[in-house]
Amino acid sequence: MKATVLVDNIGTEDLAGEWGLSFFIEFRGKKVLLDAGADGLFAENAGKLGISLNEADYAVLSHAHYDHADGNISESGKDFSNSIKTESSGFPEMWNLKKGCG
């Protein structure tokens, strides 16, 4: 398994950081975008790392906190409308997907 941090709260010289989290995971031939940070910075950093988010098979939102789920997944350039996976822990009213996020 390979997990690449696309965005977290610690930036580097080459990658901006934010109070948010996003990973690109490659495992057993599948590629997964896990969380989308607080805005579209995950997509910008993916581009800088040479990662094509269009290759992701799934987008997964781990939970509804803004720092994991407010990034606009449509900025990845791929339509994830049929592959968004969420774990609402029995509270679907927690989820408020923005228009264009799937």
PDB file of N, CA and C in Angstrom:
ATOM      1  N   MET A   1       0.838  -1.172   0.000  1.00  0.00           N
ATOM      2  CA  MET A   1       0.000   0.000   0.000  1.00  0.00           C
ATOM      3  C   MET A   1       0.886   1.238   0.000  1.00  0.00           C
ATOM      4  N   LYS A   2       0.458   2.223  -0.755  1.00  0.00           N
ATOM      5  CA  LYS A   2       1.136   3.511  -0.779  1.00  0.00           C
ATOM      6  C   LYS A   2       0.107   4.585  -0.445  1.00  0.00           C
ATOM      7  N   ALA A   3       0.378   5.384   0.563  1.00  0.00           N
ATOM      8  CA  ALA A   3      -0.506   6.485   0.943  1.00  0.00           C
ATOM      9  C   ALA A   3       0.281   7.784   0.843  1.00  0.00           C
ATOM     10  N   THR A   4      -0.197   8.693   0.008  1.00  0.00           N
ATOM     11  CA  THR A   4       0.454   9.981  -0.193  1.00  0.00           C
ATOM     12  C   THR A   4      -0.403  11.071   0.437  1.00  0.00           C
ATOM     13  N   VAL A   5       0.194  11.871   1.283  1.00  0.00           N
ATOM     14  CA  VAL A   5      -0.518  13.004   1.879  1.00  0.00           C
ATOM     15  C   VAL A   5      -0.637  14.097   0.830  1.00  0.00           C
ATOM     16  N   LEU A   6      -1.872  14.461   0.507  1.00  0.00           N
ATOM     17  CA  LEU A   6      -2.095  15.556  -0.433  1.00  0.00           C
ATOM     18  C   LEU A   6      -2.170  16.889   0.295  1.00  0.00           C
ATOM     19  N   VAL A   7      -2.762  16.868   1.468  1.00  0.00           N
ATOM     20  CA  VAL A   7      -2.816  18.087   2.276  1.00  0.00           C
ATOM     21  C   VAL A   7      -2.978  17.703   3.741  1.00  0.00           C
ATOM     22  N   ASP A   8      -2.288  18.450   4.587  1.00  0.00           N
ATOM     23  CA  ASP A   8      -2.469  18.348   6.030  1.00  0.00           C
ATOM     24  C   ASP A   8      -2.109  19.707   6.626  1.00  0.00           C
ATOM     25  N   ASN A   9      -2.015  19.773   7.931  1.00  0.00           N
ATOM     26  CA  ASN A   9      -1.804  21.075   8.559  1.00  0.00           C
ATOM     27  C   ASN A   9      -0.342  21.519   8.565  1.00  0.00           C
ATOM     28  N   ILE A  10       0.533  20.760   7.946  1.00  0.00           N
ATOM     29  CA  ILE A  10       1.942  21.122   7.883  1.00  0.00           C
ATOM     30  C   ILE A  10       2.359  21.222   6.421  1.00  0.00           C
ATOM     31  N   GLY A  11       2.583  22.412   5.950  1.00  0.00           N
ATOM     32  CA  GLY A  11       3.040  22.594   4.582  1.00  0.00           C
ATOM     33  C   GLY A  11       4.534  22.352   4.471  1.00  0.00           C
ATOM     34  N   THR A  12       5.013  22.307   3.249  1.00  0.00           N
ATOM     35  CA  THR A  12       6.446  22.163   2.987  1.00  0.00           C
ATOM     36  C   THR A  12       6.867  23.293   2.060  1.00  0.00           C
ATOM     37  N   GLU A  13       8.111  23.288   1.656  1.00  0.00           N
ATOM     38  CA  GLU A  13       8.570  24.297   0.696  1.00  0.00           C
ATOM     39  C   GLU A  13       7.792  24.212  -0.607  1.00  0.00           C
ATOM     40  N   ASP A  14       7.432  22.995  -0.999  1.00  0.00           N
ATOM     41  CA  ASP A  14       6.797  22.784  -2.295  1.00  0.00           C
ATOM     42  C   ASP A  14       5.272  22.673  -2.234  1.00  0.00           C
ATOM     43  N   LEU A  15       4.740  22.274  -1.083  1.00  0.00           N
ATOM     44  CA  LEU A  15       3.305  22.034  -0.966  1.00  0.00           C
ATOM     45  C   LEU A  15       2.705  22.892   0.144  1.00  0.00           C
ATOM     46  N   ALA A  16       1.625  23.548  -0.176  1.00  0.00           N
ATOM     47  CA  ALA A  16       0.930  24.357   0.826  1.00  0.00           C
ATOM     48  C   ALA A  16       0.185  23.440   1.793  1.00  0.00           C
ATOM     49  N   GLY A  17      -0.002  23.911   3.002  1.00  0.00           N
ATOM     50  CA  GLY A  17      -0.768  23.183   4.001  1.00  0.00           C
ATOM     51  C   GLY A  17      -1.989  23.980   4.400  1.00  0.00           C
ATOM     52  N   GLU A  18      -2.917  23.330   5.074  1.00  0.00           N
ATOM     53  CA  GLU A  18      -4.127  23.973   5.590  1.00  0.00           C
ATOM     54  C   GLU A  18      -4.626  23.133   6.756  1.00  0.00           C
ATOM     55  N   TRP A  19      -5.561  23.655   7.504  1.00  0.00           N
ATOM     56  CA  TRP A  19      -6.189  22.850   8.545  1.00  0.00           C
ATOM     57  C   TRP A  19      -7.178  21.930   7.841  1.00  0.00           C
ATOM     58  N   GLY A  20      -6.661  20.815   7.339  1.00  0.00           N
ATOM     59  CA  GLY A  20      -7.460  19.867   6.583  1.00  0.00           C
ATOM     60  C   GLY A  20      -6.635  18.624   6.317  1.00  0.00           C
ATOM     61  N   LEU A  21      -7.275  17.604   5.770  1.00  0.00           N
ATOM     62  CA  LEU A  21      -6.583  16.345   5.521  1.00  0.00           C
ATOM     63  C   LEU A  21      -7.094  15.691   4.246  1.00  0.00           C
ATOM     64  N   SER A  22      -6.162  15.176   3.457  1.00  0.00           N
ATOM     65  CA  SER A  22      -6.510  14.445   2.246  1.00  0.00           C
ATOM     66  C   SER A  22      -5.348  13.518   1.892  1.00  0.00           C
ATOM     67  N   PHE A  23      -5.685  12.278   1.533  1.00  0.00           N
ATOM     68  CA  PHE A  23      -4.696  11.279   1.122  1.00  0.00           C
ATOM     69  C   PHE A  23      -5.069  10.715  -0.242  1.00  0.00           C
ATOM     70  N   PHE A  24      -4.064  10.272  -0.973  1.00  0.00           N
ATOM     71  CA  PHE A  24      -4.272   9.483  -2.187  1.00  0.00           C
ATOM     72  C   PHE A  24      -3.657   8.127  -1.906  1.00  0.00           C
ATOM     73  N   ILE A  25      -4.489   7.101  -1.907  1.00  0.00           N
ATOM     74  CA  ILE A  25      -4.054   5.761  -1.507  1.00  0.00           C
ATOM     75  C   ILE A  25      -4.078   4.824  -2.712  1.00  0.00           C
ATOM     76  N   GLU A  26      -3.011   4.065  -2.867  1.00  0.00           N
ATOM     77  CA  GLU A  26      -2.919   3.043  -3.908  1.00  0.00           C
ATOM     78  C   GLU A  26      -2.751   1.701  -3.212  1.00  0.00           C
ATOM     79  N   PHE A  27      -3.687   0.765  -3.498  1.00  0.00           N
ATOM     80  CA  PHE A  27      -3.673  -0.523  -2.817  1.00  0.00           C
ATOM     81  C   PHE A  27      -4.317  -1.582  -3.696  1.00  0.00           C
ATOM     82  N   ARG A  28      -3.575  -2.630  -3.967  1.00  0.00           N
ATOM     83  CA  ARG A  28      -4.069  -3.770  -4.746  1.00  0.00           C
ATOM     84  C   ARG A  28      -4.742  -3.345  -6.059  1.00  0.00           C
ATOM     85  N   GLY A  29      -4.078  -2.465  -6.761  1.00  0.00           N
ATOM     86  CA  GLY A  29      -4.557  -2.047  -8.073  1.00  0.00           C
ATOM     87  C   GLY A  29      -5.666  -1.007  -8.054  1.00  0.00           C
ATOM     88  N   LYS A  30      -6.086  -0.563  -6.898  1.00  0.00           N
ATOM     89  CA  LYS A  30      -7.124   0.467  -6.784  1.00  0.00           C
ATOM     90  C   LYS A  30      -6.512   1.751  -6.256  1.00  0.00           C
ATOM     91  N   LYS A  31      -7.125   2.859  -6.663  1.00  0.00           N
ATOM     92  CA  LYS A  31      -6.675   4.175  -6.209  1.00  0.00           C
ATOM     93  C   LYS A  31      -7.856   4.884  -5.568  1.00  0.00           C
ATOM     94  N   VAL A  32      -7.589   5.441  -4.376  1.00  0.00           N
ATOM     95  CA  VAL A  32      -8.662   6.024  -3.577  1.00  0.00           C
ATOM     96  C   VAL A  32      -8.261   7.420  -3.117  1.00  0.00           C
ATOM     97  N   LEU A  33      -9.143   8.376  -3.326  1.00  0.00           N
ATOM     98  CA  LEU A  33      -8.991   9.696  -2.743  1.00  0.00           C
ATOM     99  C   LEU A  33      -9.703   9.645  -1.399  1.00  0.00           C
ATOM    100  N   LEU A  34      -8.954   9.769  -0.315  1.00  0.00           N
ATOM    101  CA  LEU A  34      -9.528   9.732   1.028  1.00  0.00           C
ATOM    102  C   LEU A  34      -9.555  11.145   1.588  1.00  0.00           C
ATOM    103  N   ASP A  35     -10.745  11.668   1.725  1.00  0.00           N
ATOM    104  CA  ASP A  35     -11.008  13.010   2.231  1.00  0.00           C
ATOM    105  C   ASP A  35     -10.532  14.074   1.250  1.00  0.00           C
ATOM    106  N   ALA A  36     -11.045  15.284   1.445  1.00  0.00           N
ATOM    107  CA  ALA A  36     -10.790  16.354   0.485  1.00  0.00           C
ATOM    108  C   ALA A  36     -10.352  17.647   1.146  1.00  0.00           C
ATOM    109  N   GLY A  37      -9.917  17.572   2.395  1.00  0.00           N
ATOM    110  CA  GLY A  37      -9.437  18.769   3.060  1.00  0.00           C
ATOM    111  C   GLY A  37     -10.524  19.817   3.235  1.00  0.00           C
ATOM    112  N   ALA A  38     -10.099  21.047   3.494  1.00  0.00           N
ATOM    113  CA  ALA A  38     -11.030  22.139   3.775  1.00  0.00           C
ATOM    114  C   ALA A  38     -11.401  22.938   2.530  1.00  0.00           C
ATOM    115  N   ASP A  39     -10.621  22.835   1.471  1.00  0.00           N
ATOM    116  CA  ASP A  39     -10.951  23.498   0.210  1.00  0.00           C
ATOM    117  C   ASP A  39     -10.290  22.731  -0.929  1.00  0.00           C
ATOM    118  N   GLY A  40     -10.014  23.351  -2.032  1.00  0.00           N
ATOM    119  CA  GLY A  40      -9.474  22.634  -3.190  1.00  0.00           C
ATOM    120  C   GLY A  40      -7.969  22.446  -3.195  1.00  0.00           C
ATOM    121  N   LEU A  41      -7.312  22.734  -2.091  1.00  0.00           N
ATOM    122  CA  LEU A  41      -5.853  22.639  -2.046  1.00  0.00           C
ATOM    123  C   LEU A  41      -5.343  21.227  -2.317  1.00  0.00           C
ATOM    124  N   PHE A  42      -6.119  20.211  -1.937  1.00  0.00           N
ATOM    125  CA  PHE A  42      -5.701  18.823  -2.194  1.00  0.00           C
ATOM    126  C   PHE A  42      -5.459  18.583  -3.672  1.00  0.00           C
ATOM    127  N   ALA A  43      -6.304  19.157  -4.546  1.00  0.00           N
ATOM    128  CA  ALA A  43      -6.165  18.955  -5.989  1.00  0.00           C
ATOM    129  C   ALA A  43      -4.923  19.682  -6.515  1.00  0.00           C
ATOM    130  N   GLU A  44      -4.683  20.878  -5.995  1.00  0.00           N
ATOM    131  CA  GLU A  44      -3.504  21.633  -6.393  1.00  0.00           C
ATOM    132  C   GLU A  44      -2.226  20.883  -6.007  1.00  0.00           C
ATOM    133  N   ASN A  45      -2.182  20.394  -4.774  1.00  0.00           N
ATOM    134  CA  ASN A  45      -1.001  19.655  -4.324  1.00  0.00           C
ATOM    135  C   ASN A  45      -0.822  18.341  -5.083  1.00  0.00           C
ATOM    136  N   ALA A  46      -1.920  17.670  -5.409  1.00  0.00           N
ATOM    137  CA  ALA A  46      -1.825  16.437  -6.198  1.00  0.00           C
ATOM    138  C   ALA A  46      -1.136  16.726  -7.527  1.00  0.00           C
ATOM    139  N   GLY A  47      -1.521  17.814  -8.170  1.00  0.00           N
ATOM    140  CA  GLY A  47      -0.889  18.189  -9.432  1.00  0.00           C
ATOM    141  C   GLY A  47       0.599  18.428  -9.281  1.00  0.00           C
ATOM    142  N   LYS A  48       0.982  19.089  -8.194  1.00  0.00           N
ATOM    143  CA  LYS A  48       2.405  19.350  -7.946  1.00  0.00           C
ATOM    144  C   LYS A  48       3.180  18.057  -7.709  1.00  0.00           C
ATOM    145  N   LEU A  49       2.495  17.048  -7.169  1.00  0.00           N
ATOM    146  CA  LEU A  49       3.133  15.756  -6.905  1.00  0.00           C
ATOM    147  C   LEU A  49       3.087  14.818  -8.110  1.00  0.00           C
ATOM    148  N   GLY A  50       2.446  15.256  -9.196  1.00  0.00           N
ATOM    149  CA  GLY A  50       2.331  14.418 -10.384  1.00  0.00           C
ATOM    150  C   GLY A  50       1.277  13.334 -10.261  1.00  0.00           C
ATOM    151  N   ILE A  51       0.333  13.528  -9.346  1.00  0.00           N
ATOM    152  CA  ILE A  51      -0.745  12.553  -9.151  1.00  0.00           C
ATOM    153  C   ILE A  51      -1.968  13.006  -9.917  1.00  0.00           C
ATOM    154  N   SER A  52      -2.464  12.147 -10.787  1.00  0.00           N
ATOM    155  CA  SER A  52      -3.678  12.438 -11.537  1.00  0.00           C
ATOM    156  C   SER A  52      -4.888  11.923 -10.760  1.00  0.00           C
ATOM    157  N   LEU A  53      -5.679  12.838 -10.220  1.00  0.00           N
ATOM    158  CA  LEU A  53      -6.867  12.433  -9.467  1.00  0.00           C
ATOM    159  C   LEU A  53      -7.913  11.784 -10.366  1.00  0.00           C
ATOM    160  N   ASN A  54      -7.785  11.985 -11.673  1.00  0.00           N
ATOM    161  CA  ASN A  54      -8.688  11.310 -12.608  1.00  0.00           C
ATOM    162  C   ASN A  54      -8.530   9.802 -12.567  1.00  0.00           C
ATOM    163  N   GLU A  55      -7.400   9.334 -12.058  1.00  0.00           N
ATOM    164  CA  GLU A  55      -7.151   7.895 -11.982  1.00  0.00           C
ATOM    165  C   GLU A  55      -7.775   7.244 -10.755  1.00  0.00           C
ATOM    166  N   ALA A  56      -8.316   8.049  -9.832  1.00  0.00           N
ATOM    167  CA  ALA A  56      -8.907   7.491  -8.613  1.00  0.00           C
ATOM    168  C   ALA A  56     -10.149   6.668  -8.958  1.00  0.00           C
ATOM    169  N   ASP A  57     -10.247   5.497  -8.357  1.00  0.00           N
ATOM    170  CA  ASP A  57     -11.417   4.643  -8.545  1.00  0.00           C
ATOM    171  C   ASP A  57     -12.558   5.056  -7.625  1.00  0.00           C
ATOM    172  N   TYR A  58     -12.213   5.587  -6.467  1.00  0.00           N
ATOM    173  CA  TYR A  58     -13.209   5.979  -5.467  1.00  0.00           C
ATOM    174  C   TYR A  58     -12.792   7.254  -4.770  1.00  0.00           C
ATOM    175  N   ALA A  59     -13.781   7.959  -4.248  1.00  0.00           N
ATOM    176  CA  ALA A  59     -13.546   9.055  -3.315  1.00  0.00           C
ATOM    177  C   ALA A  59     -14.268   8.678  -2.029  1.00  0.00           C
ATOM    178  N   VAL A  60     -13.559   8.785  -0.914  1.00  0.00           N
ATOM    179  CA  VAL A  60     -14.116   8.400   0.379  1.00  0.00           C
ATOM    180  C   VAL A  60     -14.035   9.604   1.309  1.00  0.00           C
ATOM    181  N   LEU A  61     -15.160   9.931   1.928  1.00  0.00           N
ATOM    182  CA  LEU A  61     -15.185  10.971   2.952  1.00  0.00           C
ATOM    183  C   LEU A  61     -15.316  10.269   4.290  1.00  0.00           C
ATOM    184  N   SER A  62     -14.301  10.399   5.129  1.00  0.00           N
ATOM    185  CA  SER A  62     -14.277   9.645   6.388  1.00  0.00           C
ATOM    186  C   SER A  62     -15.318  10.133   7.384  1.00  0.00           C
ATOM    187  N   HIS A  63     -15.538  11.428   7.417  1.00  0.00           N
ATOM    188  CA  HIS A  63     -16.555  11.989   8.309  1.00  0.00           C
ATOM    189  C   HIS A  63     -16.838  13.425   7.889  1.00  0.00           C
ATOM    190  N   ALA A  64     -17.828  14.036   8.530  1.00  0.00           N
ATOM    191  CA  ALA A  64     -18.374  15.301   8.042  1.00  0.00           C
ATOM    192  C   ALA A  64     -17.706  16.555   8.576  1.00  0.00           C
ATOM    193  N   HIS A  65     -16.585  16.467   9.226  1.00  0.00           N
ATOM    194  CA  HIS A  65     -15.915  17.681   9.672  1.00  0.00           C
ATOM    195  C   HIS A  65     -15.390  18.453   8.465  1.00  0.00           C
ATOM    196  N   TYR A  66     -15.495  19.780   8.536  1.00  0.00           N
ATOM    197  CA  TYR A  66     -15.123  20.618   7.395  1.00  0.00           C
ATOM    198  C   TYR A  66     -13.695  20.372   6.911  1.00  0.00           C
ATOM    199  N   ASP A  67     -12.796  20.037   7.828  1.00  0.00           N
ATOM    200  CA  ASP A  67     -11.394  19.879   7.448  1.00  0.00           C
ATOM    201  C   ASP A  67     -11.107  18.568   6.719  1.00  0.00           C
ATOM    202  N   HIS A  68     -12.114  17.737   6.571  1.00  0.00           N
ATOM    203  CA  HIS A  68     -11.996  16.491   5.813  1.00  0.00           C
ATOM    204  C   HIS A  68     -12.936  16.469   4.609  1.00  0.00           C
ATOM    205  N   ALA A  69     -14.044  17.217   4.680  1.00  0.00           N
ATOM    206  CA  ALA A  69     -15.097  17.038   3.682  1.00  0.00           C
ATOM    207  C   ALA A  69     -15.508  18.295   2.935  1.00  0.00           C
ATOM    208  N   ASP A  70     -14.925  19.456   3.229  1.00  0.00           N
ATOM    209  CA  ASP A  70     -15.359  20.670   2.537  1.00  0.00           C
ATOM    210  C   ASP A  70     -14.603  20.951   1.249  1.00  0.00           C
ATOM    211  N   GLY A  71     -13.534  20.221   0.994  1.00  0.00           N
ATOM    212  CA  GLY A  71     -12.845  20.386  -0.286  1.00  0.00           C
ATOM    213  C   GLY A  71     -13.783  19.957  -1.405  1.00  0.00           C
ATOM    214  N   ASN A  72     -13.755  20.677  -2.496  1.00  0.00           N
ATOM    215  CA  ASN A  72     -14.666  20.383  -3.600  1.00  0.00           C
ATOM    216  C   ASN A  72     -14.105  19.233  -4.425  1.00  0.00           C
ATOM    217  N   ILE A  73     -14.663  18.052  -4.228  1.00  0.00           N
ATOM    218  CA  ILE A  73     -14.161  16.864  -4.919  1.00  0.00           C
ATOM    219  C   ILE A  73     -14.252  17.011  -6.435  1.00  0.00           C
ATOM    220  N   SER A  74     -15.180  17.839  -6.916  1.00  0.00           N
ATOM    221  CA  SER A  74     -15.277  18.021  -8.363  1.00  0.00           C
ATOM    222  C   SER A  74     -14.029  18.695  -8.917  1.00  0.00           C
ATOM    223  N   GLU A  75     -13.225  19.339  -8.058  1.00  0.00           N
ATOM    224  CA  GLU A  75     -11.974  19.937  -8.517  1.00  0.00           C
ATOM    225  C   GLU A  75     -10.956  18.881  -8.925  1.00  0.00           C
ATOM    226  N   SER A  76     -11.226  17.627  -8.594  1.00  0.00           N
ATOM    227  CA  SER A  76     -10.322  16.558  -8.995  1.00  0.00           C
ATOM    228  C   SER A  76     -10.402  16.326 -10.500  1.00  0.00           C
ATOM    229  N   GLY A  77     -11.480  16.814 -11.127  1.00  0.00           N
ATOM    230  CA  GLY A  77     -11.648  16.629 -12.561  1.00  0.00           C
ATOM    231  C   GLY A  77     -12.367  15.342 -12.917  1.00  0.00           C
ATOM    232  N   LYS A  78     -12.805  14.595 -11.920  1.00  0.00           N
ATOM    233  CA  LYS A  78     -13.485  13.332 -12.174  1.00  0.00           C
ATOM    234  C   LYS A  78     -14.873  13.370 -11.549  1.00  0.00           C
ATOM    235  N   ASP A  79     -15.824  12.738 -12.192  1.00  0.00           N
ATOM    236  CA  ASP A  79     -17.178  12.643 -11.653  1.00  0.00           C
ATOM    237  C   ASP A  79     -17.249  11.458 -10.700  1.00  0.00           C
ATOM    238  N   PHE A  80     -17.326  11.752  -9.410  1.00  0.00           N
ATOM    239  CA  PHE A  80     -17.410  10.712  -8.391  1.00  0.00           C
ATOM    240  C   PHE A  80     -18.854  10.501  -7.921  1.00  0.00           C
ATOM    241  N   SER A  81     -19.833  11.007  -8.662  1.00  0.00           N
ATOM    242  CA  SER A  81     -21.216  10.984  -8.175  1.00  0.00           C
ATOM    243  C   SER A  81     -21.731   9.581  -7.881  1.00  0.00           C
ATOM    244  N   ASN A  82     -21.180   8.563  -8.521  1.00  0.00           N
ATOM    245  CA  ASN A  82     -21.629   7.197  -8.249  1.00  0.00           C
ATOM    246  C   ASN A  82     -20.663   6.408  -7.377  1.00  0.00           C
ATOM    247  N   SER A  83     -19.601   7.071  -6.896  1.00  0.00           N
ATOM    248  CA  SER A  83     -18.629   6.312  -6.116  1.00  0.00           C
ATOM    249  C   SER A  83     -18.277   6.953  -4.778  1.00  0.00           C
ATOM    250  N   ILE A  84     -18.956   8.035  -4.406  1.00  0.00           N
ATOM    251  CA  ILE A  84     -18.695   8.644  -3.097  1.00  0.00           C
ATOM    252  C   ILE A  84     -19.097   7.662  -2.017  1.00  0.00           C
ATOM    253  N   LYS A  85     -18.192   7.409  -1.105  1.00  0.00           N
ATOM    254  CA  LYS A  85     -18.472   6.525   0.021  1.00  0.00           C
ATOM    255  C   LYS A  85     -18.404   7.356   1.296  1.00  0.00           C
ATOM    256  N   THR A  86     -19.380   7.196   2.169  1.00  0.00           N
ATOM    257  CA  THR A  86     -19.376   7.940   3.426  1.00  0.00           C
ATOM    258  C   THR A  86     -19.668   7.007   4.574  1.00  0.00           C
ATOM    259  N   GLU A  87     -19.215   7.388   5.712  1.00  0.00           N
ATOM    260  CA  GLU A  87     -19.536   6.662   6.942  1.00  0.00           C
ATOM    261  C   GLU A  87     -20.236   7.651   7.850  1.00  0.00           C
ATOM    262  N   SER A  88     -21.552   7.576   7.882  1.00  0.00           N
ATOM    263  CA  SER A  88     -22.320   8.570   8.632  1.00  0.00           C
ATOM    264  C   SER A  88     -22.598   8.132  10.056  1.00  0.00           C
ATOM    265  N   SER A  89     -22.184   6.934  10.437  1.00  0.00           N
ATOM    266  CA  SER A  89     -22.393   6.425  11.794  1.00  0.00           C
ATOM    267  C   SER A  89     -23.850   6.530  12.228  1.00  0.00           C
ATOM    268  N   GLY A  90     -24.757   6.365  11.279  1.00  0.00           N
ATOM    269  CA  GLY A  90     -26.172   6.375  11.620  1.00  0.00           C
ATOM    270  C   GLY A  90     -26.775   7.757  11.724  1.00  0.00           C
ATOM    271  N   PHE A  91     -26.020   8.791  11.373  1.00  0.00           N
ATOM    272  CA  PHE A  91     -26.531  10.146  11.446  1.00  0.00           C
ATOM    273  C   PHE A  91     -26.431  10.828  10.087  1.00  0.00           C
ATOM    274  N   PRO A  92     -27.269  10.432   9.118  1.00  0.00           N
ATOM    275  CA  PRO A  92     -27.143  10.980   7.764  1.00  0.00           C
ATOM    276  C   PRO A  92     -27.355  12.491   7.719  1.00  0.00           C
ATOM    277  N   GLU A  93     -28.034  13.066   8.713  1.00  0.00           N
ATOM    278  CA  GLU A  93     -28.243  14.516   8.696  1.00  0.00           C
ATOM    279  C   GLU A  93     -26.932  15.283   8.894  1.00  0.00           C
ATOM    280  N   MET A  94     -25.867  14.583   9.308  1.00  0.00           N
ATOM    281  CA  MET A  94     -24.564  15.234   9.450  1.00  0.00           C
ATOM    282  C   MET A  94     -23.985  15.625   8.103  1.00  0.00           C
ATOM    283  N   TRP A  95     -24.377  14.910   7.042  1.00  0.00           N
ATOM    284  CA  TRP A  95     -23.757  15.098   5.747  1.00  0.00           C
ATOM    285  C   TRP A  95     -24.423  16.222   5.001  1.00  0.00           C
ATOM    286  N   ASN A  96     -23.629  17.147   4.529  1.00  0.00           N
ATOM    287  CA  ASN A  96     -24.105  18.258   3.740  1.00  0.00           C
ATOM    288  C   ASN A  96     -23.149  18.424   2.571  1.00  0.00           C
ATOM    289  N   LEU A  97     -23.338  17.602   1.538  1.00  0.00           N
ATOM    290  CA  LEU A  97     -22.457  17.673   0.382  1.00  0.00           C
ATOM    291  C   LEU A  97     -22.768  18.905  -0.436  1.00  0.00           C
ATOM    292  N   LYS A  98     -21.745  19.663  -0.767  1.00  0.00           N
ATOM    293  CA  LYS A  98     -21.915  20.851  -1.566  1.00  0.00           C
ATOM    294  C   LYS A  98     -22.255  20.474  -3.002  1.00  0.00           C
ATOM    295  N   LYS A  99     -22.921  21.366  -3.681  1.00  0.00           N
ATOM    296  CA  LYS A  99     -23.231  21.158  -5.091  1.00  0.00           C
ATOM    297  C   LYS A  99     -21.923  20.917  -5.848  1.00  0.00           C
ATOM    298  N   GLY A 100     -21.886  19.864  -6.646  1.00  0.00           N
ATOM    299  CA  GLY A 100     -20.708  19.539  -7.417  1.00  0.00           C
ATOM    300  C   GLY A 100     -19.768  18.575  -6.725  1.00  0.00           C
ATOM    301  N   CYS A 101     -20.078  18.207  -5.496  1.00  0.00           N
ATOM    302  CA  CYS A 101     -19.202  17.297  -4.756  1.00  0.00           C
ATOM    303  C   CYS A 101     -19.619  15.850  -4.912  1.00  0.00           C
ATOM    304  N   GLY A 102     -20.688  15.581  -5.604  1.00  0.00           N
ATOM    305  CA  GLY A 102     -21.048  14.191  -5.805  1.00  0.00           C
ATOM    306  C   GLY A 102     -22.282  13.770  -5.207  1.00  0.00           C
TER     307      GLY A 102
END
